[in-house]
N, C-alpha and C. Protein backbone atom coordinates (compact mmCIF):
# COMPACT_ATOMS: atom_id res chain seq x y z
N MET A 1 5.63 -30.32 -19.94
CA MET A 1 4.60 -31.29 -19.64
C MET A 1 4.97 -32.58 -20.38
N GLN A 2 4.84 -33.70 -19.67
CA GLN A 2 5.14 -34.98 -20.28
C GLN A 2 3.90 -35.47 -21.02
N VAL A 3 4.04 -35.70 -22.34
CA VAL A 3 2.94 -36.15 -23.19
C VAL A 3 2.88 -37.68 -23.20
N THR A 4 4.01 -38.31 -23.42
CA THR A 4 4.15 -39.77 -23.37
C THR A 4 5.46 -40.05 -22.64
N PRO A 5 5.77 -41.31 -22.38
CA PRO A 5 7.04 -41.60 -21.70
C PRO A 5 8.27 -41.06 -22.43
N THR A 6 8.18 -40.88 -23.74
CA THR A 6 9.35 -40.40 -24.50
C THR A 6 9.12 -39.05 -25.17
N THR A 7 7.98 -38.42 -24.91
CA THR A 7 7.66 -37.14 -25.56
C THR A 7 7.30 -36.09 -24.51
N TRP A 8 7.97 -34.95 -24.64
CA TRP A 8 7.72 -33.85 -23.72
C TRP A 8 7.39 -32.59 -24.52
N TYR A 9 6.58 -31.74 -23.92
CA TYR A 9 6.32 -30.42 -24.49
C TYR A 9 6.93 -29.42 -23.53
N SER A 10 7.80 -28.59 -24.04
CA SER A 10 8.55 -27.70 -23.16
C SER A 10 7.74 -26.50 -22.67
N GLY A 11 6.67 -26.14 -23.36
CA GLY A 11 5.93 -24.96 -22.93
C GLY A 11 6.67 -23.70 -23.29
N THR A 12 6.52 -22.67 -22.48
CA THR A 12 7.18 -21.39 -22.75
C THR A 12 8.03 -21.00 -21.56
N PRO A 13 9.08 -20.24 -21.80
CA PRO A 13 9.94 -19.82 -20.68
C PRO A 13 9.25 -18.81 -19.76
N GLU A 14 8.25 -18.11 -20.28
CA GLU A 14 7.49 -17.14 -19.47
C GLU A 14 6.03 -17.23 -19.88
N PRO A 15 5.16 -17.87 -19.07
CA PRO A 15 3.74 -17.97 -19.43
C PRO A 15 3.12 -16.59 -19.64
N ASP A 16 2.06 -16.57 -20.44
CA ASP A 16 1.42 -15.28 -20.73
C ASP A 16 -0.07 -15.30 -20.47
N GLY A 17 -0.53 -16.16 -19.57
CA GLY A 17 -1.95 -16.19 -19.25
C GLY A 17 -2.26 -17.11 -18.09
N PHE A 18 -3.53 -17.10 -17.66
CA PHE A 18 -3.97 -17.88 -16.51
C PHE A 18 -4.32 -19.32 -16.86
N LYS A 19 -4.10 -19.73 -18.09
CA LYS A 19 -4.53 -21.05 -18.53
C LYS A 19 -3.91 -22.17 -17.69
N HIS A 20 -2.66 -22.06 -17.36
CA HIS A 20 -1.98 -23.10 -16.58
C HIS A 20 -1.39 -22.47 -15.32
N ASP A 21 -1.42 -23.22 -14.24
CA ASP A 21 -0.83 -22.74 -12.99
C ASP A 21 0.65 -23.09 -12.86
N THR A 22 1.19 -23.78 -13.84
CA THR A 22 2.60 -24.17 -13.75
C THR A 22 3.49 -23.04 -14.24
N PRO A 23 4.64 -22.88 -13.62
CA PRO A 23 5.56 -21.83 -14.06
C PRO A 23 6.22 -22.19 -15.38
N GLY A 24 6.72 -21.19 -16.08
CA GLY A 24 7.46 -21.43 -17.31
C GLY A 24 8.75 -22.17 -17.02
N ALA A 25 9.15 -22.99 -17.97
CA ALA A 25 10.35 -23.78 -17.74
C ALA A 25 11.02 -24.12 -19.05
N ALA A 26 12.27 -24.49 -18.95
CA ALA A 26 13.01 -25.09 -20.06
C ALA A 26 13.24 -26.55 -19.64
N LEU A 27 13.52 -27.39 -20.62
CA LEU A 27 13.77 -28.79 -20.31
C LEU A 27 15.25 -29.09 -20.43
N LEU A 28 15.82 -29.61 -19.37
CA LEU A 28 17.20 -30.06 -19.38
C LEU A 28 17.16 -31.56 -19.71
N VAL A 29 17.70 -31.90 -20.87
CA VAL A 29 17.66 -33.28 -21.35
C VAL A 29 19.07 -33.86 -21.30
N THR A 30 19.20 -34.97 -20.61
CA THR A 30 20.47 -35.67 -20.52
C THR A 30 20.33 -36.99 -21.28
N LEU A 31 21.22 -37.19 -22.25
CA LEU A 31 21.18 -38.42 -23.05
C LEU A 31 22.32 -39.33 -22.62
N ALA A 32 21.98 -40.35 -21.89
CA ALA A 32 22.96 -41.35 -21.44
C ALA A 32 22.27 -42.70 -21.49
N GLY A 33 22.13 -43.22 -22.68
CA GLY A 33 21.37 -44.45 -22.86
C GLY A 33 19.90 -44.13 -23.01
N THR A 34 19.26 -43.76 -21.94
CA THR A 34 17.86 -43.30 -22.00
C THR A 34 17.85 -41.82 -21.68
N ALA A 35 16.88 -41.15 -22.21
CA ALA A 35 16.79 -39.70 -21.98
C ALA A 35 16.23 -39.43 -20.59
N GLU A 36 16.90 -38.53 -19.89
CA GLU A 36 16.41 -38.05 -18.60
C GLU A 36 16.02 -36.59 -18.80
N VAL A 37 14.79 -36.26 -18.46
CA VAL A 37 14.28 -34.91 -18.67
C VAL A 37 13.99 -34.26 -17.31
N THR A 38 14.55 -33.08 -17.12
CA THR A 38 14.34 -32.35 -15.88
C THR A 38 13.85 -30.94 -16.21
N PRO A 39 12.62 -30.58 -15.81
CA PRO A 39 12.17 -29.19 -16.02
C PRO A 39 12.98 -28.24 -15.13
N VAL A 40 13.37 -27.11 -15.70
CA VAL A 40 14.11 -26.09 -14.97
C VAL A 40 13.30 -24.80 -15.06
N ASP A 41 12.88 -24.29 -13.91
CA ASP A 41 12.08 -23.06 -13.89
C ASP A 41 12.85 -21.91 -14.52
N THR A 42 12.18 -21.18 -15.40
CA THR A 42 12.78 -20.01 -16.03
C THR A 42 11.92 -18.76 -15.84
N ALA A 43 10.68 -18.94 -15.47
CA ALA A 43 9.73 -17.82 -15.42
C ALA A 43 9.94 -16.94 -14.19
N GLN A 44 9.72 -15.67 -14.37
CA GLN A 44 9.73 -14.74 -13.25
C GLN A 44 8.33 -14.65 -12.66
N PHE A 45 7.32 -14.67 -13.51
CA PHE A 45 5.95 -14.44 -13.06
C PHE A 45 5.20 -15.74 -12.80
N ARG A 46 4.36 -15.71 -11.78
CA ARG A 46 3.49 -16.83 -11.44
C ARG A 46 2.05 -16.36 -11.59
N TRP A 47 1.28 -17.08 -12.36
CA TRP A 47 -0.12 -16.76 -12.62
C TRP A 47 -0.97 -17.59 -11.66
N ARG A 48 -1.74 -16.93 -10.80
CA ARG A 48 -2.52 -17.62 -9.77
C ARG A 48 -4.00 -17.29 -9.91
N ARG A 49 -4.84 -18.31 -9.66
CA ARG A 49 -6.30 -18.14 -9.69
C ARG A 49 -6.91 -18.72 -8.42
N PRO A 50 -6.63 -18.13 -7.27
CA PRO A 50 -7.22 -18.68 -6.04
C PRO A 50 -8.72 -18.40 -5.97
N THR A 51 -9.42 -19.32 -5.31
CA THR A 51 -10.85 -19.15 -5.05
C THR A 51 -11.05 -19.20 -3.55
N LEU A 52 -11.87 -18.30 -3.07
CA LEU A 52 -12.15 -18.22 -1.64
C LEU A 52 -13.65 -18.31 -1.45
N ASP A 53 -14.11 -19.36 -0.78
CA ASP A 53 -15.53 -19.52 -0.48
C ASP A 53 -15.72 -19.14 0.98
N VAL A 54 -16.54 -18.13 1.23
CA VAL A 54 -16.65 -17.57 2.58
C VAL A 54 -18.09 -17.63 3.10
N LEU A 55 -18.19 -17.62 4.42
CA LEU A 55 -19.48 -17.60 5.11
C LEU A 55 -19.40 -16.61 6.27
N PRO A 56 -20.54 -16.10 6.70
CA PRO A 56 -20.54 -15.15 7.83
C PRO A 56 -19.89 -15.75 9.07
N GLY A 57 -19.18 -14.91 9.79
CA GLY A 57 -18.56 -15.32 11.04
C GLY A 57 -17.16 -15.87 10.91
N GLU A 58 -16.72 -16.18 9.69
CA GLU A 58 -15.36 -16.66 9.49
C GLU A 58 -14.40 -15.48 9.56
N ASP A 59 -13.14 -15.77 9.80
CA ASP A 59 -12.11 -14.74 9.73
C ASP A 59 -11.68 -14.63 8.26
N VAL A 60 -12.47 -13.87 7.50
CA VAL A 60 -12.28 -13.79 6.05
C VAL A 60 -10.92 -13.17 5.71
N ILE A 61 -10.49 -12.20 6.48
CA ILE A 61 -9.22 -11.54 6.21
C ILE A 61 -8.06 -12.52 6.38
N ALA A 62 -8.11 -13.35 7.41
CA ALA A 62 -7.06 -14.35 7.62
C ALA A 62 -7.10 -15.40 6.51
N ARG A 63 -8.30 -15.81 6.10
CA ARG A 63 -8.41 -16.79 5.01
C ARG A 63 -7.89 -16.21 3.71
N LEU A 64 -8.15 -14.92 3.48
CA LEU A 64 -7.65 -14.25 2.28
C LEU A 64 -6.12 -14.24 2.30
N ALA A 65 -5.55 -13.87 3.42
CA ALA A 65 -4.09 -13.83 3.54
C ALA A 65 -3.48 -15.21 3.26
N ALA A 66 -4.13 -16.26 3.73
CA ALA A 66 -3.61 -17.61 3.52
C ALA A 66 -3.75 -18.04 2.06
N ALA A 67 -4.75 -17.51 1.35
CA ALA A 67 -4.99 -17.91 -0.05
C ALA A 67 -4.06 -17.20 -1.03
N LEU A 68 -3.48 -16.08 -0.61
CA LEU A 68 -2.63 -15.30 -1.51
C LEU A 68 -1.16 -15.62 -1.30
N PRO A 69 -0.36 -15.47 -2.35
CA PRO A 69 1.09 -15.71 -2.22
C PRO A 69 1.69 -14.80 -1.16
N GLN A 70 2.56 -15.36 -0.35
CA GLN A 70 3.16 -14.62 0.76
C GLN A 70 4.53 -14.01 0.44
N ILE A 71 5.23 -14.62 -0.52
CA ILE A 71 6.57 -14.11 -0.84
C ILE A 71 6.59 -13.66 -2.30
N ARG A 72 7.43 -12.70 -2.57
CA ARG A 72 7.61 -12.16 -3.93
C ARG A 72 6.27 -11.82 -4.59
N ALA A 73 5.43 -11.09 -3.86
CA ALA A 73 4.10 -10.75 -4.37
C ALA A 73 4.18 -10.03 -5.71
N ARG A 74 5.19 -9.21 -5.91
CA ARG A 74 5.33 -8.45 -7.16
C ARG A 74 5.44 -9.38 -8.37
N ASP A 75 5.92 -10.60 -8.15
CA ASP A 75 6.08 -11.57 -9.24
C ASP A 75 4.83 -12.42 -9.47
N HIS A 76 3.75 -12.10 -8.77
CA HIS A 76 2.51 -12.87 -8.91
C HIS A 76 1.43 -12.04 -9.59
N LEU A 77 0.78 -12.67 -10.55
CA LEU A 77 -0.37 -12.09 -11.23
C LEU A 77 -1.58 -12.89 -10.75
N VAL A 78 -2.52 -12.21 -10.08
CA VAL A 78 -3.56 -12.91 -9.33
C VAL A 78 -4.95 -12.52 -9.84
N ARG A 79 -5.75 -13.54 -10.08
CA ARG A 79 -7.17 -13.36 -10.39
C ARG A 79 -7.94 -14.12 -9.32
N LEU A 80 -8.36 -13.41 -8.28
CA LEU A 80 -9.06 -13.99 -7.13
C LEU A 80 -10.56 -14.03 -7.39
N THR A 81 -11.18 -15.15 -7.04
CA THR A 81 -12.63 -15.27 -7.10
C THR A 81 -13.13 -15.53 -5.69
N VAL A 82 -14.08 -14.71 -5.24
CA VAL A 82 -14.67 -14.89 -3.91
C VAL A 82 -16.13 -15.28 -4.09
N THR A 83 -16.52 -16.37 -3.44
CA THR A 83 -17.89 -16.87 -3.49
C THR A 83 -18.42 -17.01 -2.07
N GLY A 84 -19.70 -17.28 -1.96
CA GLY A 84 -20.32 -17.46 -0.66
C GLY A 84 -21.21 -16.29 -0.31
N ARG A 85 -21.26 -15.95 0.97
CA ARG A 85 -22.08 -14.82 1.41
C ARG A 85 -21.47 -14.19 2.66
N LEU A 86 -21.67 -12.88 2.77
CA LEU A 86 -21.16 -12.14 3.92
C LEU A 86 -22.13 -11.03 4.29
N PRO A 87 -22.17 -10.66 5.56
CA PRO A 87 -22.92 -9.46 5.94
C PRO A 87 -22.25 -8.22 5.34
N LEU A 88 -23.00 -7.14 5.26
CA LEU A 88 -22.47 -5.92 4.64
C LEU A 88 -21.16 -5.46 5.26
N ALA A 89 -21.08 -5.47 6.59
CA ALA A 89 -19.86 -4.98 7.24
C ALA A 89 -18.65 -5.85 6.90
N GLU A 90 -18.84 -7.17 6.86
CA GLU A 90 -17.73 -8.06 6.54
C GLU A 90 -17.32 -7.93 5.07
N ARG A 91 -18.31 -7.73 4.19
CA ARG A 91 -17.97 -7.54 2.78
C ARG A 91 -17.19 -6.23 2.60
N ALA A 92 -17.63 -5.17 3.28
CA ALA A 92 -16.92 -3.90 3.19
C ALA A 92 -15.48 -4.04 3.70
N ALA A 93 -15.30 -4.79 4.79
CA ALA A 93 -13.95 -5.02 5.32
C ALA A 93 -13.11 -5.81 4.32
N LEU A 94 -13.73 -6.81 3.68
CA LEU A 94 -13.01 -7.59 2.66
C LEU A 94 -12.59 -6.70 1.49
N GLU A 95 -13.51 -5.88 1.00
CA GLU A 95 -13.18 -4.99 -0.12
C GLU A 95 -12.06 -4.03 0.26
N GLY A 96 -12.09 -3.50 1.48
CA GLY A 96 -11.02 -2.61 1.93
C GLY A 96 -9.68 -3.32 1.99
N ASP A 97 -9.69 -4.56 2.49
CA ASP A 97 -8.45 -5.33 2.57
C ASP A 97 -7.91 -5.66 1.18
N LEU A 98 -8.80 -6.00 0.26
CA LEU A 98 -8.37 -6.27 -1.12
C LEU A 98 -7.71 -5.04 -1.74
N ALA A 99 -8.32 -3.88 -1.51
CA ALA A 99 -7.76 -2.64 -2.06
C ALA A 99 -6.38 -2.35 -1.47
N THR A 100 -6.17 -2.71 -0.22
CA THR A 100 -4.87 -2.49 0.43
C THR A 100 -3.81 -3.46 -0.11
N ARG A 101 -4.21 -4.70 -0.34
CA ARG A 101 -3.26 -5.73 -0.79
C ARG A 101 -2.90 -5.62 -2.28
N ALA A 102 -3.83 -5.20 -3.10
CA ALA A 102 -3.67 -5.24 -4.56
C ALA A 102 -2.37 -4.61 -5.08
N PRO A 103 -1.97 -3.43 -4.61
CA PRO A 103 -0.76 -2.81 -5.18
C PRO A 103 0.53 -3.61 -4.97
N ALA A 104 0.54 -4.54 -4.04
CA ALA A 104 1.76 -5.32 -3.79
C ALA A 104 2.04 -6.34 -4.90
N PHE A 105 1.02 -6.66 -5.70
CA PHE A 105 1.16 -7.70 -6.72
C PHE A 105 1.49 -7.10 -8.08
N GLY A 106 2.06 -7.93 -8.93
CA GLY A 106 2.35 -7.50 -10.30
C GLY A 106 1.08 -7.13 -11.03
N TRP A 107 0.02 -7.86 -10.78
CA TRP A 107 -1.32 -7.57 -11.31
C TRP A 107 -2.29 -8.26 -10.38
N PHE A 108 -3.42 -7.60 -10.10
CA PHE A 108 -4.38 -8.17 -9.15
C PHE A 108 -5.79 -7.78 -9.56
N ALA A 109 -6.67 -8.77 -9.61
CA ALA A 109 -8.09 -8.52 -9.85
C ALA A 109 -8.89 -9.43 -8.94
N ALA A 110 -9.96 -8.92 -8.40
CA ALA A 110 -10.83 -9.71 -7.54
C ALA A 110 -12.24 -9.69 -8.11
N ASP A 111 -12.80 -10.87 -8.29
CA ASP A 111 -14.17 -11.01 -8.77
C ASP A 111 -15.06 -11.36 -7.59
N LEU A 112 -15.91 -10.41 -7.20
CA LEU A 112 -16.83 -10.61 -6.08
C LEU A 112 -18.26 -10.82 -6.57
N SER A 113 -18.44 -11.06 -7.86
CA SER A 113 -19.79 -11.15 -8.42
C SER A 113 -20.58 -12.34 -7.88
N ALA A 114 -19.90 -13.37 -7.39
CA ALA A 114 -20.60 -14.53 -6.84
C ALA A 114 -20.67 -14.47 -5.31
N LEU A 115 -20.36 -13.33 -4.74
CA LEU A 115 -20.41 -13.14 -3.29
C LEU A 115 -21.73 -12.47 -2.92
N ALA A 116 -22.62 -13.22 -2.30
CA ALA A 116 -23.92 -12.69 -1.91
C ALA A 116 -23.78 -11.84 -0.65
N VAL A 117 -24.69 -10.90 -0.50
CA VAL A 117 -24.69 -10.00 0.65
C VAL A 117 -25.86 -10.36 1.55
N GLU A 118 -25.58 -10.49 2.82
CA GLU A 118 -26.64 -10.67 3.81
C GLU A 118 -26.84 -9.33 4.51
N ALA A 119 -27.92 -8.69 4.18
CA ALA A 119 -28.19 -7.39 4.78
C ALA A 119 -29.37 -7.51 5.74
N ILE A 120 -29.25 -6.85 6.87
CA ILE A 120 -30.35 -6.78 7.82
C ILE A 120 -30.71 -5.31 7.98
N PRO A 121 -31.93 -5.02 8.41
CA PRO A 121 -32.33 -3.60 8.53
C PRO A 121 -31.37 -2.76 9.36
N GLU A 122 -30.74 -3.35 10.38
CA GLU A 122 -29.80 -2.58 11.21
C GLU A 122 -28.58 -2.13 10.40
N ASP A 123 -28.23 -2.91 9.38
CA ASP A 123 -27.12 -2.51 8.51
C ASP A 123 -27.43 -1.21 7.80
N LEU A 124 -28.70 -1.04 7.45
CA LEU A 124 -29.08 0.17 6.72
C LEU A 124 -28.89 1.41 7.60
N ASP A 125 -29.02 1.26 8.93
CA ASP A 125 -28.77 2.38 9.83
C ASP A 125 -27.34 2.87 9.73
N GLN A 126 -26.43 1.98 9.37
CA GLN A 126 -25.02 2.36 9.21
C GLN A 126 -24.81 3.20 7.95
N ILE A 127 -25.74 3.07 7.01
CA ILE A 127 -25.67 3.89 5.79
C ILE A 127 -26.27 5.26 6.08
N ASP A 128 -27.50 5.25 6.57
CA ASP A 128 -28.20 6.49 6.93
C ASP A 128 -29.49 6.11 7.64
N ARG A 129 -29.95 6.97 8.54
CA ARG A 129 -31.17 6.68 9.28
C ARG A 129 -32.41 7.22 8.57
N ALA A 130 -32.22 8.16 7.68
CA ALA A 130 -33.35 8.74 6.94
C ALA A 130 -32.79 9.42 5.69
N GLY A 131 -33.68 9.84 4.81
CA GLY A 131 -33.26 10.60 3.64
C GLY A 131 -33.04 9.73 2.42
N ALA A 132 -32.44 10.35 1.41
CA ALA A 132 -32.29 9.72 0.10
C ALA A 132 -31.39 8.47 0.15
N LEU A 133 -30.31 8.52 0.92
CA LEU A 133 -29.43 7.36 0.99
C LEU A 133 -30.14 6.17 1.65
N ARG A 134 -30.91 6.46 2.68
CA ARG A 134 -31.65 5.38 3.35
C ARG A 134 -32.69 4.79 2.39
N GLN A 135 -33.37 5.64 1.65
CA GLN A 135 -34.37 5.15 0.70
C GLN A 135 -33.71 4.29 -0.39
N ALA A 136 -32.58 4.74 -0.88
CA ALA A 136 -31.87 3.96 -1.90
C ALA A 136 -31.44 2.61 -1.34
N ALA A 137 -30.94 2.61 -0.11
CA ALA A 137 -30.52 1.36 0.53
C ALA A 137 -31.70 0.41 0.71
N GLU A 138 -32.84 0.94 1.11
CA GLU A 138 -34.03 0.10 1.30
C GLU A 138 -34.49 -0.50 -0.03
N VAL A 139 -34.46 0.29 -1.10
CA VAL A 139 -34.85 -0.22 -2.41
C VAL A 139 -33.88 -1.32 -2.85
N LEU A 140 -32.60 -1.08 -2.69
CA LEU A 140 -31.60 -2.08 -3.08
C LEU A 140 -31.74 -3.37 -2.27
N MET A 141 -32.00 -3.23 -0.97
CA MET A 141 -32.16 -4.42 -0.14
C MET A 141 -33.41 -5.21 -0.56
N ALA A 142 -34.48 -4.50 -0.88
CA ALA A 142 -35.71 -5.17 -1.33
C ALA A 142 -35.47 -5.88 -2.67
N GLU A 143 -34.79 -5.22 -3.59
CA GLU A 143 -34.51 -5.83 -4.90
C GLU A 143 -33.57 -7.03 -4.78
N ALA A 144 -32.62 -6.96 -3.85
CA ALA A 144 -31.68 -8.07 -3.67
C ALA A 144 -32.40 -9.34 -3.22
N GLY A 145 -33.52 -9.19 -2.53
CA GLY A 145 -34.25 -10.35 -2.05
C GLY A 145 -35.53 -10.65 -2.81
N ASP A 146 -35.77 -9.94 -3.91
CA ASP A 146 -37.01 -10.08 -4.67
C ASP A 146 -36.92 -11.26 -5.64
N ALA A 147 -37.62 -12.34 -5.31
CA ALA A 147 -37.56 -13.55 -6.14
C ALA A 147 -38.20 -13.37 -7.51
N THR A 148 -38.96 -12.30 -7.71
CA THR A 148 -39.56 -12.06 -9.02
C THR A 148 -38.57 -11.45 -10.00
N LEU A 149 -37.45 -10.95 -9.49
CA LEU A 149 -36.41 -10.39 -10.36
C LEU A 149 -35.46 -11.50 -10.81
N SER A 150 -34.77 -11.26 -11.90
CA SER A 150 -33.78 -12.24 -12.37
C SER A 150 -32.62 -12.30 -11.38
N GLN A 151 -31.89 -13.41 -11.41
CA GLN A 151 -30.73 -13.56 -10.53
C GLN A 151 -29.71 -12.46 -10.80
N SER A 152 -29.56 -12.10 -12.06
CA SER A 152 -28.62 -11.04 -12.42
C SER A 152 -29.02 -9.71 -11.79
N ASP A 153 -30.31 -9.39 -11.82
CA ASP A 153 -30.79 -8.14 -11.21
C ASP A 153 -30.62 -8.16 -9.70
N ARG A 154 -30.89 -9.32 -9.08
CA ARG A 154 -30.71 -9.43 -7.63
C ARG A 154 -29.23 -9.29 -7.26
N ASP A 155 -28.36 -9.89 -8.07
CA ASP A 155 -26.91 -9.78 -7.81
C ASP A 155 -26.44 -8.34 -7.96
N THR A 156 -26.97 -7.65 -8.96
CA THR A 156 -26.60 -6.25 -9.17
C THR A 156 -27.06 -5.40 -7.98
N ALA A 157 -28.27 -5.64 -7.50
CA ALA A 157 -28.77 -4.90 -6.34
C ALA A 157 -27.93 -5.18 -5.11
N SER A 158 -27.54 -6.44 -4.90
CA SER A 158 -26.69 -6.79 -3.75
C SER A 158 -25.34 -6.10 -3.83
N ALA A 159 -24.75 -6.12 -5.01
CA ALA A 159 -23.44 -5.47 -5.19
C ALA A 159 -23.55 -3.96 -4.98
N ALA A 160 -24.63 -3.38 -5.47
CA ALA A 160 -24.82 -1.94 -5.31
C ALA A 160 -25.03 -1.59 -3.84
N LEU A 161 -25.79 -2.41 -3.12
CA LEU A 161 -26.00 -2.17 -1.69
C LEU A 161 -24.68 -2.29 -0.93
N ALA A 162 -23.88 -3.28 -1.28
CA ALA A 162 -22.58 -3.45 -0.63
C ALA A 162 -21.68 -2.25 -0.91
N ARG A 163 -21.72 -1.77 -2.14
CA ARG A 163 -20.88 -0.61 -2.49
C ARG A 163 -21.36 0.64 -1.76
N LEU A 164 -22.68 0.83 -1.68
CA LEU A 164 -23.23 1.98 -0.95
C LEU A 164 -22.82 1.92 0.51
N TYR A 165 -22.89 0.73 1.10
CA TYR A 165 -22.48 0.56 2.49
C TYR A 165 -20.99 0.92 2.65
N ALA A 166 -20.15 0.38 1.78
CA ALA A 166 -18.71 0.64 1.88
C ALA A 166 -18.41 2.13 1.72
N LEU A 167 -19.06 2.77 0.77
CA LEU A 167 -18.84 4.22 0.58
C LEU A 167 -19.30 5.02 1.78
N SER A 168 -20.43 4.64 2.37
CA SER A 168 -20.92 5.37 3.53
C SER A 168 -19.96 5.23 4.71
N GLN A 169 -19.30 4.08 4.82
CA GLN A 169 -18.33 3.88 5.91
C GLN A 169 -17.06 4.68 5.66
N GLU A 170 -16.66 4.82 4.40
CA GLU A 170 -15.49 5.62 4.06
C GLU A 170 -15.73 7.09 4.42
N VAL A 171 -16.93 7.57 4.16
CA VAL A 171 -17.27 8.97 4.44
C VAL A 171 -17.23 9.22 5.95
N ARG A 172 -17.62 8.25 6.75
CA ARG A 172 -17.66 8.40 8.20
C ARG A 172 -16.26 8.43 8.82
N THR A 173 -15.28 7.82 8.14
CA THR A 173 -13.94 7.77 8.76
C THR A 173 -13.08 8.91 8.32
């Protein structure tokens, strides 16, 4: 990183965190009257923090693919953040796709805590039409939309409902 016109900080040859998105490098300095400084990539790993803001009806899987590194995935360490809102079925599809993609990377984590769930009563039929699972889904859906609860409690209920939906779909297949 160039600090001043005549001062450079070389950084590290291999970054060890998500703090900077720049790859590790060494500085090639040529002294011929004035100093010429050229960064030379040395790092194997690339630390990435993509953010994906999604809405219902979008092709979330295609947007996810475009947001993630396409080549040398094993050399990428990824901390993905997904925000916005999705219906239960689309969220379950996104979670399934994330689980499929994750092993290809050197390290992969996805934070879906800011991803709201849009649930409709018909979605609950996909979980169960009656019984304990249906009752649990109805309670979670009510809590997710209950303005008297804290945002944290509503988010927890939404995430739990999304997880219940995803698990119920896994059992069906």
